[in-house]
Amino acid sequence: WNEPNLAREWSGFQPDPAGYVELLKACYIGIKTADPDAIVISAGLAPTGNGLPEAMPDADYLVALYEAGASPYFDVLGVHAPGFKYPPEMSPAEVADDTGGHRFFCFRHVEDLRDIMVHYGDGHKQIAVLEMGWTIDPIHPNYAWFAVTPEQQADYLVRAFAYAKANWQPWIGLMTVISIADPSWTENDEQYWWAITEPGWPETRVRPAYEALRDMEK
């Protein structure tokens, strides 16, 4: 699943952590029955400050998942970590000072979710960042206010991996950059502006972020 803490990703219904736990449990049992060695990652949660009925903040939703008994039914916690307009090293506390108290507007909001995991006894599990990135969108009002330049996008992505390597081991696992562009995307699609490549087929055209990630120290 994806972003079940948003109504638009939960079939239009109000987000329901207990309902998601039931889905997660059924999937976990089915997957492990078929392949005991499979790794089950919970759905990536969307950072948001919006409340019910349209959304639940990811931290609140995660607490509700644990309270509903989710812990036995995932091996790795899935999260989303967009950086918004801030550099990857900026702490949630610093960002909150700049955004009226909202800690989620930064890459390092992952650390808030990690604290919840530890509180509920899941400190031995890893986190998988299923979506991360910075948008360069100058068009869509919901995204343009936190857009960065292509050069900043490249720099911040490389620095995000470096920060995670230096500060989040051993609990950080998979980190997935959004994204390789779909050939059908145009400037009218908000996804177009998060991508590290340009749409097109069969020609491959890359953006500075692609080159920076390709060339960074692995």
Protein backbone atom coordinates (compact mmCIF):
# COMPACT_ATOMS: atom_id res chain seq x y z
CA TRP A 1 0.00 0.00 0.00
CA ASN A 2 1.01 3.65 -0.23
CA GLU A 3 0.33 6.56 2.13
CA PRO A 4 -2.70 5.07 3.91
CA ASN A 5 -2.70 8.09 6.23
CA LEU A 6 -4.23 10.11 3.34
CA ALA A 7 -7.90 9.68 2.49
CA ARG A 8 -7.16 9.94 -1.24
CA GLU A 9 -4.87 6.92 -0.90
CA TRP A 10 -7.35 5.03 1.30
CA SER A 11 -10.08 4.75 -1.34
CA GLY A 12 -11.46 8.13 -0.38
CA PHE A 13 -12.34 7.05 3.15
CA GLN A 14 -11.11 8.63 6.35
CA PRO A 15 -7.69 7.21 7.29
CA ASP A 16 -8.13 4.21 9.55
CA PRO A 17 -4.97 2.94 11.28
CA ALA A 18 -6.72 -0.09 12.78
CA GLY A 19 -8.14 -0.96 9.37
CA TYR A 20 -4.68 -0.74 7.84
CA VAL A 21 -3.32 -3.04 10.55
CA GLU A 22 -5.89 -5.65 9.55
CA LEU A 23 -4.77 -5.37 5.93
CA LEU A 24 -1.11 -5.48 6.93
CA LYS A 25 -1.68 -8.54 9.13
CA ALA A 26 -3.42 -10.48 6.35
CA CYS A 27 -0.69 -9.60 3.86
CA TYR A 28 2.11 -10.41 6.29
CA ILE A 29 0.69 -13.84 7.11
CA GLY A 30 0.15 -14.62 3.43
CA ILE A 31 3.61 -13.48 2.39
CA LYS A 32 5.41 -15.30 5.20
CA THR A 33 3.43 -18.46 4.52
CA ALA A 34 4.60 -18.41 0.92
CA ASP A 35 8.17 -17.29 1.70
CA PRO A 36 9.33 -17.13 5.33
CA ASP A 37 12.46 -15.26 4.26
CA ALA A 38 10.57 -12.44 2.52
CA ILE A 39 10.96 -8.97 4.05
CA VAL A 40 7.66 -7.16 4.64
CA ILE A 41 7.86 -3.37 4.59
CA SER A 42 4.91 -1.39 5.90
CA ALA A 43 3.33 1.24 3.66
CA GLY A 44 5.23 4.50 3.33
CA LEU A 45 3.51 7.26 5.29
CA ALA A 46 3.03 10.76 3.91
CA PRO A 47 4.40 13.67 5.95
CA THR A 48 1.44 16.02 6.42
CA GLY A 49 0.03 18.50 8.87
CA ASN A 50 -3.56 17.96 7.73
CA GLY A 51 -6.03 16.27 10.04
CA LEU A 52 -9.13 14.14 9.75
CA PRO A 53 -11.15 13.44 7.71
CA GLU A 54 -8.70 14.02 4.84
CA ALA A 55 -5.46 12.93 6.49
CA MET A 56 -3.55 12.04 9.64
CA PRO A 57 -0.04 13.29 10.36
CA ASP A 58 2.39 10.43 9.84
CA ALA A 59 3.66 10.48 13.42
CA ASP A 60 0.14 10.31 14.83
CA TYR A 61 -0.75 7.55 12.40
CA LEU A 62 2.33 5.54 13.36
CA VAL A 63 1.46 5.79 17.05
CA ALA A 64 -2.05 4.59 16.20
CA LEU A 65 -0.61 1.67 14.22
CA TYR A 66 1.39 0.54 17.22
CA GLU A 67 -1.59 0.97 19.53
CA ALA A 68 -3.63 -1.17 17.12
CA GLY A 69 -1.07 -3.99 17.28
CA ALA A 70 0.93 -3.51 14.07
CA SER A 71 4.36 -4.44 15.39
CA PRO A 72 4.30 -8.22 14.72
CA TYR A 73 3.22 -7.70 11.12
CA PHE A 74 6.10 -5.81 9.49
CA ASP A 75 9.83 -6.37 9.36
CA VAL A 76 10.84 -2.88 8.22
CA LEU A 77 9.00 0.41 8.70
CA GLY A 78 8.25 2.26 5.46
CA VAL A 79 8.44 6.06 5.52
CA HIS A 80 8.55 8.93 3.06
CA ALA A 81 11.16 11.66 3.46
CA PRO A 82 10.76 14.63 1.11
CA GLY A 83 13.11 17.44 2.01
CA PHE A 84 10.74 20.28 1.12
CA LYS A 85 12.80 23.50 0.82
CA TYR A 86 15.34 22.70 3.50
CA PRO A 87 18.82 21.13 3.29
CA PRO A 88 18.99 17.52 4.47
CA GLU A 89 21.03 18.24 7.59
CA MET A 90 18.45 20.65 9.05
CA SER A 91 16.80 19.25 12.16
CA PRO A 92 13.05 18.98 12.73
CA ALA A 93 13.38 21.43 15.62
CA GLU A 94 15.06 24.03 13.40
CA VAL A 95 12.45 23.55 10.70
CA ALA A 96 9.64 23.84 13.24
CA ASP A 97 11.01 27.23 14.27
CA ASP A 98 10.70 28.34 10.63
CA THR A 99 7.30 26.80 9.87
CA GLY A 100 5.07 27.61 12.82
CA GLY A 101 5.85 24.43 14.73
CA HIS A 102 5.69 21.85 11.91
CA ARG A 103 8.51 19.33 12.33
CA PHE A 104 7.65 17.25 9.26
CA PHE A 105 8.85 19.72 6.63
CA CYS A 106 12.31 18.15 6.39
CA PHE A 107 14.27 15.04 5.48
CA ARG A 108 15.27 14.41 9.08
CA HIS A 109 11.65 14.03 10.17
CA VAL A 110 12.53 10.35 9.74
CA GLU A 111 14.20 10.66 13.14
CA ASP A 112 10.87 11.53 14.77
CA LEU A 113 9.37 8.34 13.39
CA ARG A 114 12.40 6.38 14.55
CA ASP A 115 11.85 7.68 18.09
CA ILE A 116 8.30 6.29 17.99
CA MET A 117 9.60 2.90 16.86
CA VAL A 118 12.08 2.82 19.75
CA HIS A 119 9.38 3.86 22.22
CA TYR A 120 7.26 0.88 21.16
CA GLY A 121 10.12 -1.60 21.41
CA ASP A 122 10.94 -1.82 17.69
CA GLY A 123 14.43 -0.34 17.90
CA HIS A 124 15.88 -3.53 16.42
CA LYS A 125 14.06 -2.97 13.12
CA GLN A 126 15.24 -0.89 10.20
CA ILE A 127 13.50 1.95 8.38
CA ALA A 128 13.12 1.96 4.59
CA VAL A 129 12.76 5.37 2.96
CA LEU A 130 10.39 4.51 0.11
CA GLU A 131 10.25 8.03 -1.34
CA MET A 132 12.77 10.84 -0.93
CA GLY A 133 13.61 13.88 -2.98
CA TRP A 134 13.33 17.60 -3.61
CA THR A 135 11.04 19.09 -6.24
CA ILE A 136 12.05 21.75 -8.75
CA ASP A 137 8.40 22.55 -9.56
CA PRO A 138 7.73 26.22 -10.48
CA ILE A 139 4.14 25.59 -11.65
CA HIS A 140 1.91 23.84 -9.12
CA PRO A 141 1.08 26.07 -6.14
CA ASN A 142 0.95 23.15 -3.71
CA TYR A 143 4.59 22.35 -4.49
CA ALA A 144 6.19 25.47 -5.96
CA TRP A 145 6.49 27.16 -2.57
CA PHE A 146 9.11 24.62 -1.52
CA ALA A 147 10.81 24.10 -4.88
CA VAL A 148 14.59 24.15 -5.12
CA THR A 149 16.87 24.64 -8.11
CA PRO A 150 18.09 21.66 -10.15
CA GLU A 151 21.54 22.25 -8.70
CA GLN A 152 20.18 22.26 -5.14
CA GLN A 153 18.20 19.11 -5.88
CA ALA A 154 21.41 17.39 -6.91
CA ASP A 155 23.39 18.68 -3.94
CA TYR A 156 20.72 17.89 -1.35
CA LEU A 157 20.20 14.32 -2.55
CA VAL A 158 23.90 13.51 -2.30
CA ARG A 159 24.10 15.16 1.11
CA ALA A 160 21.02 13.23 2.29
CA PHE A 161 22.73 9.92 1.58
CA ALA A 162 25.89 11.15 3.29
CA TYR A 163 23.93 12.30 6.34
CA ALA A 164 22.12 8.97 6.61
CA LYS A 165 25.36 7.03 6.29
CA ALA A 166 27.02 9.09 9.01
CA ASN A 167 24.11 9.34 11.45
CA TRP A 168 21.44 6.69 10.85
CA GLN A 169 23.35 3.44 10.82
CA PRO A 170 22.57 0.64 11.60
CA TRP A 171 18.83 1.32 11.58
CA ILE A 172 18.54 2.85 8.11
CA GLY A 173 17.90 0.45 5.24
CA LEU A 174 16.71 1.04 1.70
CA MET A 175 16.56 4.68 0.53
CA THR A 176 14.62 5.27 -2.69
CA VAL A 177 14.96 8.48 -4.70
CA ILE A 178 11.87 9.70 -6.56
CA SER A 179 12.22 9.14 -9.46
CA ILE A 180 13.14 8.04 -12.98
CA ALA A 181 10.64 9.92 -15.16
CA ASP A 182 7.80 8.13 -16.90
CA PRO A 183 8.08 8.86 -20.66
CA SER A 184 4.50 10.17 -20.67
CA TRP A 185 5.02 12.86 -18.01
CA THR A 186 4.83 16.51 -19.02
CA GLU A 187 5.37 19.77 -17.13
CA ASN A 188 1.69 19.61 -16.16
CA ASP A 189 2.38 16.56 -14.00
CA GLU A 190 3.73 17.32 -10.55
CA GLN A 191 5.73 14.08 -10.70
CA TYR A 192 7.71 15.50 -13.62
CA TRP A 193 9.39 17.99 -11.31
CA TRP A 194 10.54 15.47 -8.71
CA ALA A 195 12.30 13.29 -11.27
CA ILE A 196 16.06 13.08 -11.74
CA THR A 197 15.69 12.40 -15.47
CA GLU A 198 13.71 13.99 -18.27
CA PRO A 199 10.81 12.08 -19.85
CA GLY A 200 11.60 10.58 -23.19
CA TRP A 201 12.11 7.34 -25.03
CA PRO A 202 14.38 5.98 -26.40
CA GLU A 203 16.63 9.00 -25.76
CA THR A 204 17.92 9.26 -22.21
CA ARG A 205 18.21 12.79 -20.85
CA VAL A 206 19.33 13.27 -17.29
CA ARG A 207 19.19 16.12 -14.80
CA PRO A 208 22.03 17.30 -12.53
CA ALA A 209 20.66 15.14 -9.68
CA TYR A 210 21.08 11.98 -11.74
CA GLU A 211 24.69 12.83 -12.53
CA ALA A 212 25.44 13.76 -8.92
CA LEU A 213 24.01 10.49 -7.59
CA ARG A 214 25.82 8.51 -10.25
CA ASP A 215 29.15 10.09 -9.38
CA MET A 216 28.89 10.29 -5.59
CA GLU A 217 30.99 8.06 -3.34
CA LYS A 218 29.20 4.77 -2.80
